[in-house]
């Protein structure tokens, strides 16, 4: 990619009220940069549904990354209802449901023993220095690669994340698998909360 010139949107505050504008920003830059791989974090399926309405699923590889099963504890199997999950798949969205690349066992150790590991510290650093959404974008990029849903690691992807629910962050990323995390590059932050 040649020199990159783009406008950045900084939302006054993060949250789901930014979802429609965030998706529109992602669509604008997907078209501008000719990017086909769009990776979206979606906990309940709402953001994924909105993306399916905005992006032509014949032209874009839309990958939805959900929370893992039992993410909220052993009492709740999945936050994204199974029927909605099936609807999203039937529309042509690809779904990744797995352990977060910046969580997993370390998250359990932190929560249960109040012991921080390197990966949890990295995740906390990214949240504090950039935003929750930027951390999510980096995380879901590597998860989509690990899941085999990004076929060309030399092509940039767009990742959409948020703060809690909804979307408020868009990042242009050169993806890499978690085993080569040092090769992942955030090329541009196109939208994020202040």
Protein backbone atom coordinates (compact mmCIF):
# COMPACT_ATOMS: atom_id res chain seq x y z
CA UNK A 1 0.00 0.00 0.00
CA UNK A 2 1.31 3.46 -0.88
CA UNK A 3 1.24 6.45 1.45
CA UNK A 4 -1.93 6.40 3.48
CA UNK A 5 -4.10 9.45 4.02
CA UNK A 6 -7.31 9.03 5.95
CA UNK A 7 -9.62 10.87 8.26
CA UNK A 8 -9.97 9.59 11.83
CA UNK A 9 -13.19 9.81 13.82
CA UNK A 10 -12.83 10.25 17.58
CA UNK A 11 -16.07 9.61 19.44
CA UNK A 12 -16.67 11.73 22.54
CA UNK A 13 -17.53 8.56 24.43
CA UNK A 14 -17.51 4.87 23.63
CA UNK A 15 -20.48 2.58 23.45
CA UNK A 16 -23.22 1.07 21.30
CA UNK A 17 -24.72 4.43 20.26
CA UNK A 18 -21.73 4.70 17.84
CA UNK A 19 -22.41 1.38 16.09
CA UNK A 20 -24.11 2.64 12.92
CA UNK A 21 -21.52 5.35 12.32
CA UNK A 22 -18.67 2.94 13.06
CA UNK A 23 -19.95 0.41 10.53
CA UNK A 24 -20.38 3.19 7.95
CA UNK A 25 -16.75 4.26 8.51
CA UNK A 26 -15.60 0.66 8.04
CA UNK A 27 -17.63 0.34 4.82
CA UNK A 28 -16.21 3.61 3.49
CA UNK A 29 -12.62 2.50 4.04
CA UNK A 30 -13.25 -1.06 2.87
CA UNK A 31 -14.35 0.41 -0.46
CA UNK A 32 -11.57 3.04 -0.53
CA UNK A 33 -8.76 0.55 0.22
CA UNK A 34 -10.33 -2.41 -1.63
CA UNK A 35 -10.44 -4.53 1.52
CA UNK A 36 -12.61 -7.63 1.44
CA UNK A 37 -11.90 -9.16 4.86
CA UNK A 38 -13.92 -7.49 7.61
CA UNK A 39 -13.64 -8.92 11.14
CA UNK A 40 -16.33 -7.87 13.61
CA UNK A 41 -16.63 -8.47 17.34
CA UNK A 42 -20.23 -9.25 18.25
CA UNK A 43 -21.31 -10.49 21.65
CA UNK A 44 -25.07 -10.73 21.15
CA UNK A 45 -25.19 -10.71 17.33
CA UNK A 46 -26.65 -7.21 16.99
CA UNK A 47 -23.53 -5.63 15.47
CA UNK A 48 -23.12 -8.61 13.12
CA UNK A 49 -26.75 -8.26 11.97
CA UNK A 50 -26.21 -4.58 11.20
CA UNK A 51 -23.02 -5.38 9.30
CA UNK A 52 -24.87 -7.99 7.23
CA UNK A 53 -27.34 -5.30 6.18
CA UNK A 54 -24.60 -2.81 5.23
CA UNK A 55 -22.02 -5.03 3.50
CA UNK A 56 -22.85 -7.06 0.40
CA UNK A 57 -21.97 -10.54 1.63
CA UNK A 58 -21.15 -11.70 -1.90
CA UNK A 59 -18.33 -9.13 -2.12
CA UNK A 60 -17.01 -9.17 1.44
CA UNK A 61 -15.67 -11.87 3.73
CA UNK A 62 -17.50 -10.90 6.93
CA UNK A 63 -16.15 -12.73 9.97
CA UNK A 64 -17.94 -12.41 13.29
CA UNK A 65 -15.99 -13.16 16.46
CA UNK A 66 -18.17 -14.01 19.45
CA UNK A 67 -17.32 -14.52 23.08
CA UNK A 68 -16.29 -18.08 23.86
CA UNK A 69 -18.79 -20.45 25.40
CA UNK A 70 -19.07 -19.91 29.16
CA UNK A 71 -17.21 -16.57 28.87
CA UNK A 72 -19.46 -15.13 31.59
CA UNK A 73 -19.03 -18.19 33.81
CA UNK A 74 -20.27 -21.74 33.93
CA UNK A 75 -23.92 -20.67 34.44
CA UNK A 76 -24.36 -19.08 30.98
CA UNK A 77 -23.48 -21.18 27.96
CA UNK A 78 -23.39 -18.47 25.27
CA UNK A 79 -24.32 -14.79 25.14
CA UNK A 80 -25.23 -14.97 21.44
CA UNK A 81 -28.51 -16.89 21.20
CA UNK A 82 -28.18 -20.09 19.16
CA UNK A 83 -31.10 -19.19 16.89
CA UNK A 84 -29.52 -15.82 16.04
CA UNK A 85 -26.19 -17.57 15.44
CA UNK A 86 -27.87 -19.84 12.88
CA UNK A 87 -29.53 -16.86 11.16
CA UNK A 88 -26.17 -15.08 10.86
CA UNK A 89 -24.58 -18.19 9.35
CA UNK A 90 -27.47 -18.62 6.91
CA UNK A 91 -26.91 -15.04 5.69
CA UNK A 92 -23.30 -15.91 4.86
CA UNK A 93 -21.39 -14.53 7.83
CA UNK A 94 -18.53 -16.66 9.07
CA UNK A 95 -18.41 -17.19 12.83
CA UNK A 96 -15.44 -17.68 15.16
CA UNK A 97 -16.27 -18.77 18.69
CA UNK A 98 -13.18 -19.56 20.70
CA UNK A 99 -10.91 -18.58 23.53
CA UNK A 100 -9.77 -14.98 23.25
CA UNK A 101 -6.19 -14.62 22.14
CA UNK A 102 -5.55 -12.19 25.02
CA UNK A 103 -7.40 -14.15 27.67
CA UNK A 104 -7.87 -17.84 28.20
CA UNK A 105 -6.11 -19.47 31.11
CA UNK A 106 -4.42 -16.24 32.20
CA UNK A 107 -7.83 -14.56 32.60
CA UNK A 108 -8.95 -17.40 34.86
CA UNK A 109 -5.79 -17.12 36.97
CA UNK A 110 -6.24 -13.36 37.30
CA UNK A 111 -9.89 -13.64 38.27
CA UNK A 112 -9.49 -16.53 40.69
CA UNK A 113 -6.07 -15.87 42.22
CA UNK A 114 -5.59 -12.15 41.55
CA UNK A 115 -2.35 -12.95 39.69
CA UNK A 116 -1.58 -11.06 36.51
CA UNK A 117 0.22 -12.74 33.61
CA UNK A 118 1.95 -11.06 30.68
CA UNK A 119 -0.93 -11.45 28.20
CA UNK A 120 -3.48 -10.04 30.63
CA UNK A 121 -1.11 -7.13 31.33
CA UNK A 122 -0.75 -6.52 27.58
CA UNK A 123 -4.53 -6.49 27.17
CA UNK A 124 -4.89 -4.05 30.08
CA UNK A 125 -2.15 -1.82 28.60
CA UNK A 126 -3.91 -1.66 25.23
CA UNK A 127 -7.24 -0.84 26.89
CA UNK A 128 -5.70 1.93 28.99
CA UNK A 129 -3.44 3.49 26.36
CA UNK A 130 -5.72 3.24 23.31
CA UNK A 131 -9.22 1.93 24.06
CA UNK A 132 -11.13 -1.27 24.72
CA UNK A 133 -12.06 -1.36 21.04
CA UNK A 134 -8.45 -1.16 19.82
CA UNK A 135 -7.57 -4.09 22.09
CA UNK A 136 -10.53 -6.01 20.71
CA UNK A 137 -9.55 -5.27 17.09
CA UNK A 138 -6.03 -6.59 17.63
CA UNK A 139 -7.40 -9.65 19.41
CA UNK A 140 -10.03 -10.57 16.82
CA UNK A 141 -7.56 -10.11 13.95
CA UNK A 142 -5.36 -12.88 15.27
CA UNK A 143 -8.36 -15.04 16.20
CA UNK A 144 -9.72 -14.84 12.63
CA UNK A 145 -6.30 -15.86 11.28
CA UNK A 146 -5.99 -18.73 13.78
CA UNK A 147 -9.47 -19.89 12.75
CA UNK A 148 -8.39 -20.11 9.10
CA UNK A 149 -10.83 -17.46 7.88
CA UNK A 150 -8.24 -15.01 6.53
CA UNK A 151 -6.73 -16.65 3.46
CA UNK A 152 -4.07 -14.06 2.53
CA UNK A 153 -1.94 -12.69 5.36
CA UNK A 154 -0.29 -10.21 3.01
CA UNK A 155 -3.57 -8.34 2.53
CA UNK A 156 -4.80 -5.82 5.07
CA UNK A 157 -8.07 -6.39 6.92
CA UNK A 158 -10.48 -4.11 8.74
CA UNK A 159 -11.43 -4.95 12.31
CA UNK A 160 -14.42 -3.54 14.17
CA UNK A 161 -14.64 -3.64 17.95
CA UNK A 162 -16.23 -1.75 20.78
CA UNK A 163 -16.54 -0.85 24.40
CA UNK A 164 -18.82 -3.36 26.08
CA UNK A 165 -21.64 -3.65 23.54
CA UNK A 166 -21.91 -2.31 20.01
CA UNK A 167 -19.06 -0.92 17.92
CA UNK A 168 -17.00 2.25 18.30
CA UNK A 169 -13.59 1.32 16.85
CA UNK A 170 -12.25 0.54 13.37
CA UNK A 171 -8.64 -0.50 12.75
CA UNK A 172 -6.76 -1.22 9.53
CA UNK A 173 -4.58 -4.21 10.36
CA UNK A 174 -1.98 -6.41 8.71
CA UNK A 175 -3.00 -9.71 10.31
CA UNK A 176 -0.87 -12.44 11.83
CA UNK A 177 -1.57 -15.62 13.79
CA UNK A 178 -1.17 -15.58 17.56
CA UNK A 179 1.99 -17.68 17.17
CA UNK A 180 3.50 -14.75 15.22
CA UNK A 181 1.83 -11.96 17.16
CA UNK A 182 4.89 -9.73 16.79
CA UNK A 183 4.19 -9.53 13.04
CA UNK A 184 0.64 -8.14 13.45
CA UNK A 185 0.55 -4.42 12.60
CA UNK A 186 -2.10 -1.84 13.36
CA UNK A 187 -1.62 0.32 10.28
CA UNK A 188 -4.32 2.87 11.09
CA UNK A 189 -6.95 3.57 13.70
CA UNK A 190 -9.86 4.94 11.68
CA UNK A 191 -12.29 5.43 14.59
CA UNK A 192 -12.14 5.13 18.35
CA UNK A 193 -13.49 6.78 21.50
CA UNK A 194 -11.44 9.56 23.10
